[in-house]
Amino acid sequence: MERVLSAAAVCLLTMGLVSQGVTAGPVTPAEVKISDGEIKTSLTGSAGSAVKGREWFKNRKLGNCLACHVNSELKEEQFHGEVGPALDGVAERWNEAQLRAIVVNSKIIFGEETMMPAFYRDGGFTRPLKKFKGKTILSAEQIEDIVAYLRTLKE
């Protein structure tokens, strides 16, 4: 009897979460919907880690955010780029849903002419190298971590 009740409780909880837009795993790039310049819900179903996001942000082999953006919070790092806008105070310019949309696919937000890559897109490219075909630059978890970090950058 206890197992039946537990299974029913899990089923009801899962149905409630699904109806609220929470999924069991990361949202795939094909499932991501940007509406009015925002992605309102987490790609992973949970908040990211700002500490991990800071590491991803400054990592020259992943997103390489510092190649294009100045970020005073990371003054110990060398070679901040000036191609994109400075990210000091970015949390006061855009909300979490907007930041998520920008990092996922800035081309939808700013237009195809932006140099910023779509970090969570895995298809629709012209002649991608074989080793990159069907892959994203960042994972859903890394996107959420970077968004959490960006939310800490206030003036």
C-alpha atoms as a PDB file:
ATOM      1  CA  MET A   1       0.000   0.000   0.000  1.00  0.00           C
ATOM      2  CA  GLU A   2       2.855   2.371   0.908  1.00  0.00           C
ATOM      3  CA  ARG A   3       4.551   1.795  -2.466  1.00  0.00           C
ATOM      4  CA  VAL A   4       1.309   2.496  -4.325  1.00  0.00           C
ATOM      5  CA  LEU A   5       0.896   5.779  -2.443  1.00  0.00           C
ATOM      6  CA  SER A   6       4.538   6.729  -3.071  1.00  0.00           C
ATOM      7  CA  ALA A   7       4.207   5.974  -6.779  1.00  0.00           C
ATOM      8  CA  ALA A   8       0.994   8.009  -6.941  1.00  0.00           C
ATOM      9  CA  ALA A   9       2.676  10.916  -5.140  1.00  0.00           C
ATOM     10  CA  VAL A  10       5.626  10.849  -7.560  1.00  0.00           C
ATOM     11  CA  CYS A  11       3.225  10.729 -10.515  1.00  0.00           C
ATOM     12  CA  LEU A  12       1.212  13.701  -9.214  1.00  0.00           C
ATOM     13  CA  LEU A  13       4.375  15.674  -8.448  1.00  0.00           C
ATOM     14  CA  THR A  14       5.789  14.967 -11.905  1.00  0.00           C
ATOM     15  CA  MET A  15       2.512  15.960 -13.580  1.00  0.00           C
ATOM     16  CA  GLY A  16       2.530  19.200 -11.594  1.00  0.00           C
ATOM     17  CA  LEU A  17       6.113  20.011 -12.576  1.00  0.00           C
ATOM     18  CA  VAL A  18       5.504  19.243 -16.236  1.00  0.00           C
ATOM     19  CA  SER A  19       2.453  21.490 -16.254  1.00  0.00           C
ATOM     20  CA  GLN A  20       4.680  24.273 -14.875  1.00  0.00           C
ATOM     21  CA  GLY A  21       7.225  23.787 -17.663  1.00  0.00           C
ATOM     22  CA  VAL A  22       9.798  21.870 -15.613  1.00  0.00           C
ATOM     23  CA  THR A  23      11.255  18.911 -17.485  1.00  0.00           C
ATOM     24  CA  ALA A  24      13.099  15.795 -16.356  1.00  0.00           C
ATOM     25  CA  GLY A  25      16.349  16.673 -18.139  1.00  0.00           C
ATOM     26  CA  PRO A  26      18.035  19.464 -20.023  1.00  0.00           C
ATOM     27  CA  VAL A  27      16.029  21.086 -22.787  1.00  0.00           C
ATOM     28  CA  THR A  28      17.596  20.198 -26.124  1.00  0.00           C
ATOM     29  CA  PRO A  29      18.615  23.034 -28.450  1.00  0.00           C
ATOM     30  CA  ALA A  30      15.727  22.141 -30.776  1.00  0.00           C
ATOM     31  CA  GLU A  31      13.243  22.492 -27.885  1.00  0.00           C
ATOM     32  CA  VAL A  32      14.411  25.973 -26.832  1.00  0.00           C
ATOM     33  CA  LYS A  33      11.841  28.666 -27.526  1.00  0.00           C
ATOM     34  CA  ILE A  34      12.811  32.334 -27.387  1.00  0.00           C
ATOM     35  CA  SER A  35       9.710  34.464 -26.929  1.00  0.00           C
ATOM     36  CA  ASP A  36       9.844  38.270 -26.816  1.00  0.00           C
ATOM     37  CA  GLY A  37      13.613  38.125 -26.397  1.00  0.00           C
ATOM     38  CA  GLU A  38      13.430  35.831 -23.374  1.00  0.00           C
ATOM     39  CA  ILE A  39      13.765  32.222 -22.289  1.00  0.00           C
ATOM     40  CA  LYS A  40      11.814  32.273 -19.046  1.00  0.00           C
ATOM     41  CA  THR A  41      12.604  28.810 -17.703  1.00  0.00           C
ATOM     42  CA  SER A  42      15.913  27.164 -16.919  1.00  0.00           C
ATOM     43  CA  LEU A  43      17.290  24.857 -19.597  1.00  0.00           C
ATOM     44  CA  THR A  44      18.060  22.304 -16.884  1.00  0.00           C
ATOM     45  CA  GLY A  45      15.102  22.745 -14.558  1.00  0.00           C
ATOM     46  CA  SER A  46      17.278  24.284 -11.859  1.00  0.00           C
ATOM     47  CA  ALA A  47      19.345  27.379 -11.199  1.00  0.00           C
ATOM     48  CA  GLY A  48      22.959  27.452 -12.263  1.00  0.00           C
ATOM     49  CA  SER A  49      26.042  27.976 -10.112  1.00  0.00           C
ATOM     50  CA  ALA A  50      27.550  31.484 -10.291  1.00  0.00           C
ATOM     51  CA  VAL A  51      30.890  30.075  -9.074  1.00  0.00           C
ATOM     52  CA  LYS A  52      31.023  27.569 -11.941  1.00  0.00           C
ATOM     53  CA  GLY A  53      29.701  30.215 -14.340  1.00  0.00           C
ATOM     54  CA  ARG A  54      32.629  32.488 -13.499  1.00  0.00           C
ATOM     55  CA  GLU A  55      35.002  29.634 -14.405  1.00  0.00           C
ATOM     56  CA  TRP A  56      33.212  28.938 -17.710  1.00  0.00           C
ATOM     57  CA  PHE A  57      33.125  32.671 -18.494  1.00  0.00           C
ATOM     58  CA  LYS A  58      36.883  33.105 -18.226  1.00  0.00           C
ATOM     59  CA  ASN A  59      37.781  29.741 -19.808  1.00  0.00           C
ATOM     60  CA  ARG A  60      39.526  30.481 -23.111  1.00  0.00           C
ATOM     61  CA  LYS A  61      38.632  27.033 -24.508  1.00  0.00           C
ATOM     62  CA  LEU A  62      34.866  27.131 -23.935  1.00  0.00           C
ATOM     63  CA  GLY A  63      32.743  30.203 -24.483  1.00  0.00           C
ATOM     64  CA  ASN A  64      35.781  32.487 -24.448  1.00  0.00           C
ATOM     65  CA  CYS A  65      33.603  35.389 -23.277  1.00  0.00           C
ATOM     66  CA  LEU A  66      36.649  37.498 -22.372  1.00  0.00           C
ATOM     67  CA  ALA A  67      37.806  37.492 -25.990  1.00  0.00           C
ATOM     68  CA  CYS A  68      35.028  39.982 -26.766  1.00  0.00           C
ATOM     69  CA  HIS A  69      33.863  41.460 -23.440  1.00  0.00           C
ATOM     70  CA  VAL A  70      35.519  43.582 -20.775  1.00  0.00           C
ATOM     71  CA  ASN A  71      34.598  42.419 -17.282  1.00  0.00           C
ATOM     72  CA  SER A  72      36.123  44.402 -14.395  1.00  0.00           C
ATOM     73  CA  GLU A  73      35.197  41.648 -11.937  1.00  0.00           C
ATOM     74  CA  LEU A  74      37.834  39.484 -13.652  1.00  0.00           C
ATOM     75  CA  LYS A  75      40.585  42.114 -13.626  1.00  0.00           C
ATOM     76  CA  GLU A  76      43.174  39.440 -12.762  1.00  0.00           C
ATOM     77  CA  GLU A  77      42.614  37.915 -16.215  1.00  0.00           C
ATOM     78  CA  GLN A  78      44.510  39.336 -19.193  1.00  0.00           C
ATOM     79  CA  PHE A  79      43.332  40.341 -22.649  1.00  0.00           C
ATOM     80  CA  HIS A  80      39.745  41.470 -22.244  1.00  0.00           C
ATOM     81  CA  GLY A  81      38.161  42.099 -25.628  1.00  0.00           C
ATOM     82  CA  GLU A  82      36.394  45.246 -26.738  1.00  0.00           C
ATOM     83  CA  VAL A  83      34.315  43.859 -29.611  1.00  0.00           C
ATOM     84  CA  GLY A  84      31.211  43.318 -27.492  1.00  0.00           C
ATOM     85  CA  PRO A  85      29.823  45.558 -24.778  1.00  0.00           C
ATOM     86  CA  ALA A  86      31.441  45.709 -21.342  1.00  0.00           C
ATOM     87  CA  LEU A  87      29.634  43.362 -18.982  1.00  0.00           C
ATOM     88  CA  ASP A  88      30.005  45.494 -15.867  1.00  0.00           C
ATOM     89  CA  GLY A  89      26.445  46.000 -14.603  1.00  0.00           C
ATOM     90  CA  VAL A  90      24.940  43.559 -17.114  1.00  0.00           C
ATOM     91  CA  ALA A  91      22.544  42.237 -14.425  1.00  0.00           C
ATOM     92  CA  GLU A  92      20.998  45.688 -14.212  1.00  0.00           C
ATOM     93  CA  ARG A  93      20.508  45.990 -17.985  1.00  0.00           C
ATOM     94  CA  TRP A  94      18.895  42.609 -18.646  1.00  0.00           C
ATOM     95  CA  ASN A  95      16.859  40.223 -16.540  1.00  0.00           C
ATOM     96  CA  GLU A  96      17.652  36.514 -16.146  1.00  0.00           C
ATOM     97  CA  ALA A  97      15.339  35.399 -18.978  1.00  0.00           C
ATOM     98  CA  GLN A  98      16.870  37.937 -21.363  1.00  0.00           C
ATOM     99  CA  LEU A  99      20.434  36.976 -20.423  1.00  0.00           C
ATOM    100  CA  ARG A 100      19.585  33.311 -20.990  1.00  0.00           C
ATOM    101  CA  ALA A 101      18.226  34.095 -24.466  1.00  0.00           C
ATOM    102  CA  ILE A 102      21.306  36.178 -25.345  1.00  0.00           C
ATOM    103  CA  VAL A 103      23.720  33.430 -24.324  1.00  0.00           C
ATOM    104  CA  VAL A 104      21.668  30.662 -25.957  1.00  0.00           C
ATOM    105  CA  ASN A 105      21.339  32.372 -29.345  1.00  0.00           C
ATOM    106  CA  SER A 106      22.339  36.019 -29.581  1.00  0.00           C
ATOM    107  CA  LYS A 107      21.636  35.976 -33.322  1.00  0.00           C
ATOM    108  CA  ILE A 108      17.891  35.831 -32.613  1.00  0.00           C
ATOM    109  CA  ILE A 109      18.203  38.735 -30.170  1.00  0.00           C
ATOM    110  CA  PHE A 110      20.671  41.030 -31.977  1.00  0.00           C
ATOM    111  CA  GLY A 111      20.383  39.778 -35.575  1.00  0.00           C
ATOM    112  CA  GLU A 112      22.578  37.645 -37.779  1.00  0.00           C
ATOM    113  CA  GLU A 113      25.175  40.427 -38.075  1.00  0.00           C
ATOM    114  CA  THR A 114      26.284  40.030 -34.436  1.00  0.00           C
ATOM    115  CA  MET A 115      29.660  38.385 -33.980  1.00  0.00           C
ATOM    116  CA  MET A 116      28.525  36.655 -30.793  1.00  0.00           C
ATOM    117  CA  PRO A 117      27.976  32.965 -31.468  1.00  0.00           C
ATOM    118  CA  ALA A 118      24.877  31.004 -30.599  1.00  0.00           C
ATOM    119  CA  PHE A 119      26.230  28.976 -27.689  1.00  0.00           C
ATOM    120  CA  TYR A 120      23.311  26.508 -27.484  1.00  0.00           C
ATOM    121  CA  ARG A 121      22.543  25.722 -31.099  1.00  0.00           C
ATOM    122  CA  ASP A 122      23.449  22.422 -32.734  1.00  0.00           C
ATOM    123  CA  GLY A 123      22.213  22.704 -36.294  1.00  0.00           C
ATOM    124  CA  GLY A 124      21.403  24.921 -39.237  1.00  0.00           C
ATOM    125  CA  PHE A 125      25.024  25.888 -39.833  1.00  0.00           C
ATOM    126  CA  THR A 126      26.661  26.271 -43.215  1.00  0.00           C
ATOM    127  CA  ARG A 127      29.404  23.682 -43.678  1.00  0.00           C
ATOM    128  CA  PRO A 128      30.337  22.948 -40.046  1.00  0.00           C
ATOM    129  CA  LEU A 129      33.465  20.920 -39.426  1.00  0.00           C
ATOM    130  CA  LYS A 130      32.627  17.253 -38.950  1.00  0.00           C
ATOM    131  CA  LYS A 131      33.803  17.252 -35.306  1.00  0.00           C
ATOM    132  CA  PHE A 132      31.354  20.088 -34.480  1.00  0.00           C
ATOM    133  CA  LYS A 133      28.337  18.787 -36.392  1.00  0.00           C
ATOM    134  CA  GLY A 134      25.351  18.306 -34.083  1.00  0.00           C
ATOM    135  CA  LYS A 135      27.167  19.786 -31.067  1.00  0.00           C
ATOM    136  CA  THR A 136      26.688  22.950 -29.044  1.00  0.00           C
ATOM    137  CA  ILE A 137      29.483  25.227 -27.839  1.00  0.00           C
ATOM    138  CA  LEU A 138      28.194  25.099 -24.252  1.00  0.00           C
ATOM    139  CA  SER A 139      25.980  22.575 -22.464  1.00  0.00           C
ATOM    140  CA  ALA A 140      22.630  23.490 -20.917  1.00  0.00           C
ATOM    141  CA  GLU A 141      24.266  23.328 -17.479  1.00  0.00           C
ATOM    142  CA  GLN A 142      27.081  25.654 -18.549  1.00  0.00           C
ATOM    143  CA  ILE A 143      24.541  28.116 -19.974  1.00  0.00           C
ATOM    144  CA  GLU A 144      22.669  28.180 -16.643  1.00  0.00           C
ATOM    145  CA  ASP A 145      25.935  28.593 -14.735  1.00  0.00           C
ATOM    146  CA  ILE A 146      27.015  31.526 -16.930  1.00  0.00           C
ATOM    147  CA  VAL A 147      23.587  33.157 -16.577  1.00  0.00           C
ATOM    148  CA  ALA A 148      23.874  32.785 -12.779  1.00  0.00           C
ATOM    149  CA  TYR A 149      27.305  34.426 -12.924  1.00  0.00           C
ATOM    150  CA  LEU A 150      26.108  37.263 -15.167  1.00  0.00           C
ATOM    151  CA  ARG A 151      23.318  37.942 -12.642  1.00  0.00           C
ATOM    152  CA  THR A 152      26.049  38.790 -10.095  1.00  0.00           C
ATOM    153  CA  LEU A 153      27.564  41.539 -12.276  1.00  0.00           C
ATOM    154  CA  LYS A 154      26.011  44.699 -10.888  1.00  0.00           C
ATOM    155  CA  GLU A 155      27.384  48.257 -10.881  1.00  0.00           C
END
